Structures are given as structure tokens and as C-alpha cells.
Amino acid sequence: TSTRGAGLFGHGMRAGRYALTLVVCLLAAC
């Protein structure tokens, strides 16, 4: 649960492909 504010979404979309790759790597243990 986040306790921070706005400003993350734009960063997330710019790094979207990297973020999704990282998620898949984390969950599938690479």
C-alpha cells in the first residue's frame, strides 16, 4: 500500500517495457 503521492504514473509509462520485463522476471524467477 503506497503512502506516497502523485508523479509516479508518468515515470511508469516511460519505463513501461522495462517495468513489465522486471515483473515477469521476478514472478517467473527469470
Full PDB file with SEQRES, HELIX, SHEET, SSBOND, CRYST1, ORIGX, SCALE, CONECT and MASTER records, all heavy atoms in Angstrom:
SEQRES   1 A   30  THR SER THR ARG GLY ALA GLY LEU PHE GLY HIS GLY MET          
SEQRES   2 A   30  ARG ALA GLY ARG TYR ALA LEU THR LEU VAL VAL CYS LEU          
SEQRES   3 A   30  LEU ALA ALA CYS                                              
HELIX    1 AA1 LEU A    8  ARG A   14  1                                   7    
HELIX    2 AA2 GLY A   16  LEU A   27  1                                  12    
SSBOND   1 CYS A   25    CYS A   30                          1555   1555  1.47  
CRYST1    1.000    1.000    1.000  90.00  90.00  90.00 P 1           1          
ORIGX1      1.000000  0.000000  0.000000        0.00000                         
ORIGX2      0.000000  1.000000  0.000000        0.00000                         
ORIGX3      0.000000  0.000000  1.000000        0.00000                         
SCALE1      1.000000  0.000000  0.000000        0.00000                         
SCALE2      0.000000  1.000000  0.000000        0.00000                         
SCALE3      0.000000  0.000000  1.000000        0.00000                         
ATOM      1  N   THR A   1       0.827  -1.182   0.000  1.00  0.00           N  
ATOM      2  CA  THR A   1       0.000   0.000   0.000  1.00  0.00           C  
ATOM      3  C   THR A   1       0.869   1.241   0.000  1.00  0.00           C  
ATOM      4  O   THR A   1       1.685   1.440   0.878  1.00  0.00           O  
ATOM      5  CB  THR A   1      -0.897   0.015   1.253  1.00  0.00           C  
ATOM      6  OG1 THR A   1      -1.657  -1.185   1.263  1.00  0.00           O  
ATOM      7  CG2 THR A   1      -1.814   1.201   1.255  1.00  0.00           C  
ATOM      8  N   SER A   2       0.678   2.089  -0.974  1.00  0.00           N  
ATOM      9  CA  SER A   2       1.552   3.247  -1.082  1.00  0.00           C  
ATOM     10  C   SER A   2       1.150   4.320  -0.101  1.00  0.00           C  
ATOM     11  O   SER A   2      -0.024   4.576   0.115  1.00  0.00           O  
ATOM     12  CB  SER A   2       1.483   3.808  -2.499  1.00  0.00           C  
ATOM     13  OG  SER A   2       2.213   5.008  -2.580  1.00  0.00           O  
ATOM     14  N   THR A   3       2.124   4.983   0.488  1.00  0.00           N  
ATOM     15  CA  THR A   3       1.874   6.157   1.300  1.00  0.00           C  
ATOM     16  C   THR A   3       2.482   7.386   0.661  1.00  0.00           C  
ATOM     17  O   THR A   3       2.748   8.374   1.311  1.00  0.00           O  
ATOM     18  CB  THR A   3       2.454   5.969   2.711  1.00  0.00           C  
ATOM     19  OG1 THR A   3       3.863   5.804   2.596  1.00  0.00           O  
ATOM     20  CG2 THR A   3       1.851   4.767   3.382  1.00  0.00           C  
ATOM     21  N   ARG A   4       2.693   7.337  -0.630  1.00  0.00           N  
ATOM     22  CA  ARG A   4       3.266   8.462  -1.353  1.00  0.00           C  
ATOM     23  C   ARG A   4       2.212   9.103  -2.254  1.00  0.00           C  
ATOM     24  O   ARG A   4       1.097   8.632  -2.414  1.00  0.00           O  
ATOM     25  CB  ARG A   4       4.448   7.989  -2.198  1.00  0.00           C  
ATOM     26  CG  ARG A   4       5.610   7.590  -1.308  1.00  0.00           C  
ATOM     27  CD  ARG A   4       6.272   8.847  -0.772  1.00  0.00           C  
ATOM     28  NE  ARG A   4       7.378   8.455   0.063  1.00  0.00           N  
ATOM     29  CZ  ARG A   4       7.348   8.467   1.369  1.00  0.00           C  
ATOM     30  NH1 ARG A   4       6.285   8.835   2.013  1.00  0.00           N  
ATOM     31  NH2 ARG A   4       8.395   8.112   2.071  1.00  0.00           N  
ATOM     32  N   GLY A   5       2.605  10.140  -2.920  1.00  0.00           N  
ATOM     33  CA  GLY A   5       1.661  10.916  -3.700  1.00  0.00           C  
ATOM     34  C   GLY A   5       1.808  10.733  -5.180  1.00  0.00           C  
ATOM     35  O   GLY A   5       2.225   9.709  -5.682  1.00  0.00           O  
ATOM     36  N   ALA A   6       1.451  11.798  -5.921  1.00  0.00           N  
ATOM     37  CA  ALA A   6       1.373  11.732  -7.368  1.00  0.00           C  
ATOM     38  C   ALA A   6       2.753  11.800  -7.985  1.00  0.00           C  
ATOM     39  O   ALA A   6       3.756  11.981  -7.336  1.00  0.00           O  
ATOM     40  CB  ALA A   6       0.510  12.900  -7.867  1.00  0.00           C  
ATOM     41  N   GLY A   7       2.776  11.655  -9.315  1.00  0.00           N  
ATOM     42  CA  GLY A   7       4.019  11.831 -10.030  1.00  0.00           C  
ATOM     43  C   GLY A   7       4.658  10.549 -10.489  1.00  0.00           C  
ATOM     44  O   GLY A   7       5.653  10.567 -11.187  1.00  0.00           O  
ATOM     45  N   LEU A   8       4.081   9.407 -10.122  1.00  0.00           N  
ATOM     46  CA  LEU A   8       4.706   8.143 -10.469  1.00  0.00           C  
ATOM     47  C   LEU A   8       4.233   7.613 -11.812  1.00  0.00           C  
ATOM     48  O   LEU A   8       4.929   6.858 -12.471  1.00  0.00           O  
ATOM     49  CB  LEU A   8       4.400   7.099  -9.386  1.00  0.00           C  
ATOM     50  CG  LEU A   8       4.951   7.410  -7.996  1.00  0.00           C  
ATOM     51  CD1 LEU A   8       4.440   6.383  -7.002  1.00  0.00           C  
ATOM     52  CD2 LEU A   8       6.469   7.386  -8.016  1.00  0.00           C  
ATOM     53  N   PHE A   9       3.022   7.992 -12.206  1.00  0.00           N  
ATOM     54  CA  PHE A   9       2.452   7.350 -13.381  1.00  0.00           C  
ATOM     55  C   PHE A   9       3.220   7.696 -14.643  1.00  0.00           C  
ATOM     56  O   PHE A   9       3.516   6.837 -15.476  1.00  0.00           O  
ATOM     57  CB  PHE A   9       0.980   7.744 -13.526  1.00  0.00           C  
ATOM     58  CG  PHE A   9       0.323   7.119 -14.725  1.00  0.00           C  
ATOM     59  CD1 PHE A   9       0.238   5.743 -14.840  1.00  0.00           C  
ATOM     60  CD2 PHE A   9      -0.177   7.899 -15.744  1.00  0.00           C  
ATOM     61  CE1 PHE A   9      -0.357   5.164 -15.948  1.00  0.00           C  
ATOM     62  CE2 PHE A   9      -0.772   7.320 -16.851  1.00  0.00           C  
ATOM     63  CZ  PHE A   9      -0.854   5.954 -16.947  1.00  0.00           C  
ATOM     64  N   GLY A  10       3.587   8.963 -14.784  1.00  0.00           N  
ATOM     65  CA  GLY A  10       4.333   9.333 -15.980  1.00  0.00           C  
ATOM     66  C   GLY A  10       5.642   8.591 -16.076  1.00  0.00           C  
ATOM     67  O   GLY A  10       6.025   8.094 -17.136  1.00  0.00           O  
ATOM     68  N   HIS A  11       6.340   8.500 -14.965  1.00  0.00           N  
ATOM     69  CA  HIS A  11       7.597   7.748 -14.944  1.00  0.00           C  
ATOM     70  C   HIS A  11       7.350   6.298 -15.315  1.00  0.00           C  
ATOM     71  O   HIS A  11       8.102   5.695 -16.080  1.00  0.00           O  
ATOM     72  CB  HIS A  11       8.223   7.841 -13.550  1.00  0.00           C  
ATOM     73  CG  HIS A  11       9.354   6.887 -13.352  1.00  0.00           C  
ATOM     74  ND1 HIS A  11      10.592   7.091 -13.893  1.00  0.00           N  
ATOM     75  CD2 HIS A  11       9.405   5.703 -12.685  1.00  0.00           C  
ATOM     76  CE1 HIS A  11      11.387   6.087 -13.560  1.00  0.00           C  
ATOM     77  NE2 HIS A  11      10.689   5.234 -12.822  1.00  0.00           N  
ATOM     78  N   GLY A  12       6.233   5.738 -14.765  1.00  0.00           N  
ATOM     79  CA  GLY A  12       5.943   4.330 -15.032  1.00  0.00           C  
ATOM     80  C   GLY A  12       5.674   4.073 -16.499  1.00  0.00           C  
ATOM     81  O   GLY A  12       6.091   3.039 -17.044  1.00  0.00           O  
ATOM     82  N   MET A  13       4.980   4.979 -17.154  1.00  0.00           N  
ATOM     83  CA  MET A  13       4.670   4.753 -18.566  1.00  0.00           C  
ATOM     84  C   MET A  13       5.924   4.896 -19.421  1.00  0.00           C  
ATOM     85  O   MET A  13       6.111   4.167 -20.381  1.00  0.00           O  
ATOM     86  CB  MET A  13       3.590   5.734 -19.027  1.00  0.00           C  
ATOM     87  CG  MET A  13       2.240   5.466 -18.357  1.00  0.00           C  
ATOM     88  SD  MET A  13       1.602   3.771 -18.618  1.00  0.00           S  
ATOM     89  CE  MET A  13       2.073   2.973 -17.083  1.00  0.00           C  
ATOM     90  N   ARG A  14       6.824   5.821 -19.035  1.00  0.00           N  
ATOM     91  CA  ARG A  14       8.065   5.957 -19.791  1.00  0.00           C  
ATOM     92  C   ARG A  14       8.921   4.707 -19.650  1.00  0.00           C  
ATOM     93  O   ARG A  14       9.670   4.349 -20.546  1.00  0.00           O  
ATOM     94  CB  ARG A  14       8.841   7.192 -19.298  1.00  0.00           C  
ATOM     95  CG  ARG A  14       8.214   8.510 -19.712  1.00  0.00           C  
ATOM     96  CD  ARG A  14       9.180   9.657 -19.464  1.00  0.00           C  
ATOM     97  NE  ARG A  14       9.535   9.789 -18.064  1.00  0.00           N  
ATOM     98  CZ  ARG A  14       8.819  10.513 -17.202  1.00  0.00           C  
ATOM     99  NH1 ARG A  14       7.726  11.128 -17.599  1.00  0.00           N  
ATOM    100  NH2 ARG A  14       9.218  10.612 -15.949  1.00  0.00           N  
ATOM    101  N   ALA A  15       8.817   4.072 -18.475  1.00  0.00           N  
ATOM    102  CA  ALA A  15       9.630   2.874 -18.229  1.00  0.00           C  
ATOM    103  C   ALA A  15       8.785   1.614 -18.324  1.00  0.00           C  
ATOM    104  O   ALA A  15       9.132   0.586 -17.767  1.00  0.00           O  
ATOM    105  CB  ALA A  15      10.272   2.973 -16.843  1.00  0.00           C  
ATOM    106  N   GLY A  16       7.647   1.702 -19.026  1.00  0.00           N  
ATOM    107  CA  GLY A  16       6.684   0.603 -19.038  1.00  0.00           C  
ATOM    108  C   GLY A  16       7.259  -0.727 -19.476  1.00  0.00           C  
ATOM    109  O   GLY A  16       7.032  -1.758 -18.846  1.00  0.00           O  
ATOM    110  N   ARG A  17       8.001  -0.734 -20.586  1.00  0.00           N  
ATOM    111  CA  ARG A  17       8.530  -2.005 -21.073  1.00  0.00           C  
ATOM    112  C   ARG A  17       9.521  -2.610 -20.086  1.00  0.00           C  
ATOM    113  O   ARG A  17       9.497  -3.799 -19.817  1.00  0.00           O  
ATOM    114  CB  ARG A  17       9.208  -1.798 -22.430  1.00  0.00           C  
ATOM    115  CG  ARG A  17       8.219  -1.454 -23.535  1.00  0.00           C  
ATOM    116  CD  ARG A  17       8.925  -1.359 -24.884  1.00  0.00           C  
ATOM    117  NE  ARG A  17       7.992  -1.045 -25.940  1.00  0.00           N  
ATOM    118  CZ  ARG A  17       8.342  -0.895 -27.218  1.00  0.00           C  
ATOM    119  NH1 ARG A  17       9.615  -1.032 -27.573  1.00  0.00           N  
ATOM    120  NH2 ARG A  17       7.438  -0.601 -28.122  1.00  0.00           N  
ATOM    121  N   TYR A  18      10.374  -1.752 -19.535  1.00  0.00           N  
ATOM    122  CA  TYR A  18      11.332  -2.263 -18.544  1.00  0.00           C  
ATOM    123  C   TYR A  18      10.603  -2.802 -17.322  1.00  0.00           C  
ATOM    124  O   TYR A  18      10.938  -3.866 -16.806  1.00  0.00           O  
ATOM    125  CB  TYR A  18      12.277  -1.157 -18.125  1.00  0.00           C  
ATOM    126  CG  TYR A  18      13.083  -1.506 -16.905  1.00  0.00           C  
ATOM    127  CD1 TYR A  18      14.163  -2.386 -16.987  1.00  0.00           C  
ATOM    128  CD2 TYR A  18      12.744  -0.991 -15.652  1.00  0.00           C  
ATOM    129  CE1 TYR A  18      14.902  -2.719 -15.864  1.00  0.00           C  
ATOM    130  CE2 TYR A  18      13.474  -1.332 -14.529  1.00  0.00           C  
ATOM    131  CZ  TYR A  18      14.548  -2.194 -14.639  1.00  0.00           C  
ATOM    132  OH  TYR A  18      15.258  -2.522 -13.523  1.00  0.00           O  
ATOM    133  N   ALA A  19       9.569  -2.065 -16.858  1.00  0.00           N  
ATOM    134  CA  ALA A  19       8.834  -2.488 -15.668  1.00  0.00           C  
ATOM    135  C   ALA A  19       8.187  -3.842 -15.886  1.00  0.00           C  
ATOM    136  O   ALA A  19       8.249  -4.730 -15.030  1.00  0.00           O  
ATOM    137  CB  ALA A  19       7.767  -1.444 -15.314  1.00  0.00           C  
ATOM    138  N   LEU A  20       7.546  -4.033 -17.043  1.00  0.00           N  
ATOM    139  CA  LEU A  20       6.878  -5.299 -17.306  1.00  0.00           C  
ATOM    140  C   LEU A  20       7.879  -6.440 -17.408  1.00  0.00           C  
ATOM    141  O   LEU A  20       7.648  -7.541 -16.892  1.00  0.00           O  
ATOM    142  CB  LEU A  20       6.058  -5.196 -18.598  1.00  0.00           C  
ATOM    143  CG  LEU A  20       5.208  -6.419 -18.948  1.00  0.00           C  
ATOM    144  CD1 LEU A  20       4.293  -6.765 -17.785  1.00  0.00           C  
ATOM    145  CD2 LEU A  20       4.390  -6.143 -20.205  1.00  0.00           C  
ATOM    146  N   THR A  21       9.018  -6.182 -18.038  1.00  0.00           N  
ATOM    147  CA  THR A  21      10.059  -7.215 -18.095  1.00  0.00           C  
ATOM    148  C   THR A  21      10.516  -7.596 -16.701  1.00  0.00           C  
ATOM    149  O   THR A  21      10.715  -8.771 -16.391  1.00  0.00           O  
ATOM    150  CB  THR A  21      11.255  -6.711 -18.921  1.00  0.00           C  
ATOM    151  OG1 THR A  21      10.813  -6.396 -20.232  1.00  0.00           O  
ATOM    152  CG2 THR A  21      12.351  -7.764 -18.987  1.00  0.00           C  
ATOM    153  N   LEU A  22      10.672  -6.582 -15.832  1.00  0.00           N  
ATOM    154  CA  LEU A  22      11.101  -6.850 -14.462  1.00  0.00           C  
ATOM    155  C   LEU A  22      10.070  -7.672 -13.713  1.00  0.00           C  
ATOM    156  O   LEU A  22      10.418  -8.596 -12.981  1.00  0.00           O  
ATOM    157  CB  LEU A  22      11.349  -5.523 -13.736  1.00  0.00           C  
ATOM    158  CG  LEU A  22      11.805  -5.613 -12.270  1.00  0.00           C  
ATOM    159  CD1 LEU A  22      13.098  -6.403 -12.182  1.00  0.00           C  
ATOM    160  CD2 LEU A  22      11.977  -4.222 -11.689  1.00  0.00           C  
ATOM    161  N   VAL A  23       8.788  -7.364 -13.897  1.00  0.00           N  
ATOM    162  CA  VAL A  23       7.738  -8.139 -13.242  1.00  0.00           C  
ATOM    163  C   VAL A  23       7.792  -9.598 -13.663  1.00  0.00           C  
ATOM    164  O   VAL A  23       7.777 -10.507 -12.833  1.00  0.00           O  
ATOM    165  CB  VAL A  23       6.345  -7.553 -13.567  1.00  0.00           C  
ATOM    166  CG1 VAL A  23       5.254  -8.500 -13.106  1.00  0.00           C  
ATOM    167  CG2 VAL A  23       6.170  -6.208 -12.901  1.00  0.00           C  
ATOM    168  N   VAL A  24       7.857  -9.829 -14.955  1.00  0.00           N  
ATOM    169  CA  VAL A  24       7.892 -11.204 -15.449  1.00  0.00           C  
ATOM    170  C   VAL A  24       9.103 -11.929 -14.888  1.00  0.00           C  
ATOM    171  O   VAL A  24       9.030 -13.087 -14.456  1.00  0.00           O  
ATOM    172  CB  VAL A  24       7.910 -11.216 -16.987  1.00  0.00           C  
ATOM    173  CG1 VAL A  24       8.101 -12.631 -17.497  1.00  0.00           C  
ATOM    174  CG2 VAL A  24       6.606 -10.634 -17.532  1.00  0.00           C  
ATOM    175  N   CYS A  25      10.256 -11.238 -14.836  1.00  0.00           N  
ATOM    176  CA  CYS A  25      11.472 -11.851 -14.300  1.00  0.00           C  
ATOM    177  C   CYS A  25      11.311 -12.187 -12.824  1.00  0.00           C  
ATOM    178  O   CYS A  25      11.690 -13.263 -12.376  1.00  0.00           O  
ATOM    179  CB  CYS A  25      12.647 -10.908 -14.500  1.00  0.00           C  
ATOM    180  SG  CYS A  25      14.246 -11.605 -14.034  1.00  0.00           S  
ATOM    181  N   LEU A  26      10.704 -11.271 -12.065  1.00  0.00           N  
ATOM    182  CA  LEU A  26      10.517 -11.519 -10.642  1.00  0.00           C  
ATOM    183  C   LEU A  26       9.584 -12.686 -10.387  1.00  0.00           C  
ATOM    184  O   LEU A  26       9.838 -13.544  -9.550  1.00  0.00           O  
ATOM    185  CB  LEU A  26       9.932 -10.263  -9.974  1.00  0.00           C  
ATOM    186  CG  LEU A  26      10.899  -9.118  -9.684  1.00  0.00           C  
ATOM    187  CD1 LEU A  26      10.112  -7.877  -9.324  1.00  0.00           C  
ATOM    188  CD2 LEU A  26      11.833  -9.502  -8.554  1.00  0.00           C  
ATOM    189  N   LEU A  27       8.484 -12.733 -11.119  1.00  0.00           N  
ATOM    190  CA  LEU A  27       7.463 -13.734 -10.828  1.00  0.00           C  
ATOM    191  C   LEU A  27       7.830 -15.094 -11.386  1.00  0.00           C  
ATOM    192  O   LEU A  27       7.511 -16.124 -10.799  1.00  0.00           O  
ATOM    193  CB  LEU A  27       6.113 -13.276 -11.392  1.00  0.00           C  
ATOM    194  CG  LEU A  27       5.660 -11.891 -10.909  1.00  0.00           C  
ATOM    195  CD1 LEU A  27       4.255 -11.611 -11.386  1.00  0.00           C  
ATOM    196  CD2 LEU A  27       5.737 -11.806  -9.393  1.00  0.00           C  
ATOM    197  N   ALA A  28       8.497 -15.116 -12.507  1.00  0.00           N  
ATOM    198  CA  ALA A  28       8.882 -16.395 -13.096  1.00  0.00           C  
ATOM    199  C   ALA A  28      10.284 -16.808 -12.684  1.00  0.00           C  
ATOM    200  O   ALA A  28      10.808 -17.794 -13.159  1.00  0.00           O  
ATOM    201  CB  ALA A  28       8.808 -16.308 -14.622  1.00  0.00           C  
ATOM    202  N   ALA A  29      10.891 -16.025 -11.776  1.00  0.00           N  
ATOM    203  CA  ALA A  29      12.243 -16.306 -11.271  1.00  0.00           C  
ATOM    204  C   ALA A  29      13.247 -16.386 -12.409  1.00  0.00           C  
ATOM    205  O   ALA A  29      14.219 -17.124 -12.375  1.00  0.00           O  
ATOM    206  CB  ALA A  29      12.269 -17.589 -10.446  1.00  0.00           C  
ATOM    207  N   CYS A  30      13.015 -15.583 -13.467  1.00  0.00           N  
ATOM    208  CA  CYS A  30      13.959 -15.458 -14.579  1.00  0.00           C  
ATOM    209  C   CYS A  30      14.361 -16.820 -15.148  1.00  0.00           C  
ATOM    210  O   CYS A  30      15.513 -17.221 -15.093  1.00  0.00           O  
ATOM    211  CB  CYS A  30      15.185 -14.668 -14.139  1.00  0.00           C  
ATOM    212  SG  CYS A  30      14.813 -12.943 -13.789  1.00  0.00           S  
TER     213      CYS A  30                                                      
CONECT  180  212                                                                
CONECT  212  180                                                                
MASTER        0    0    0    2    0    0    0    6  212    1    2    3          
END                                                                             
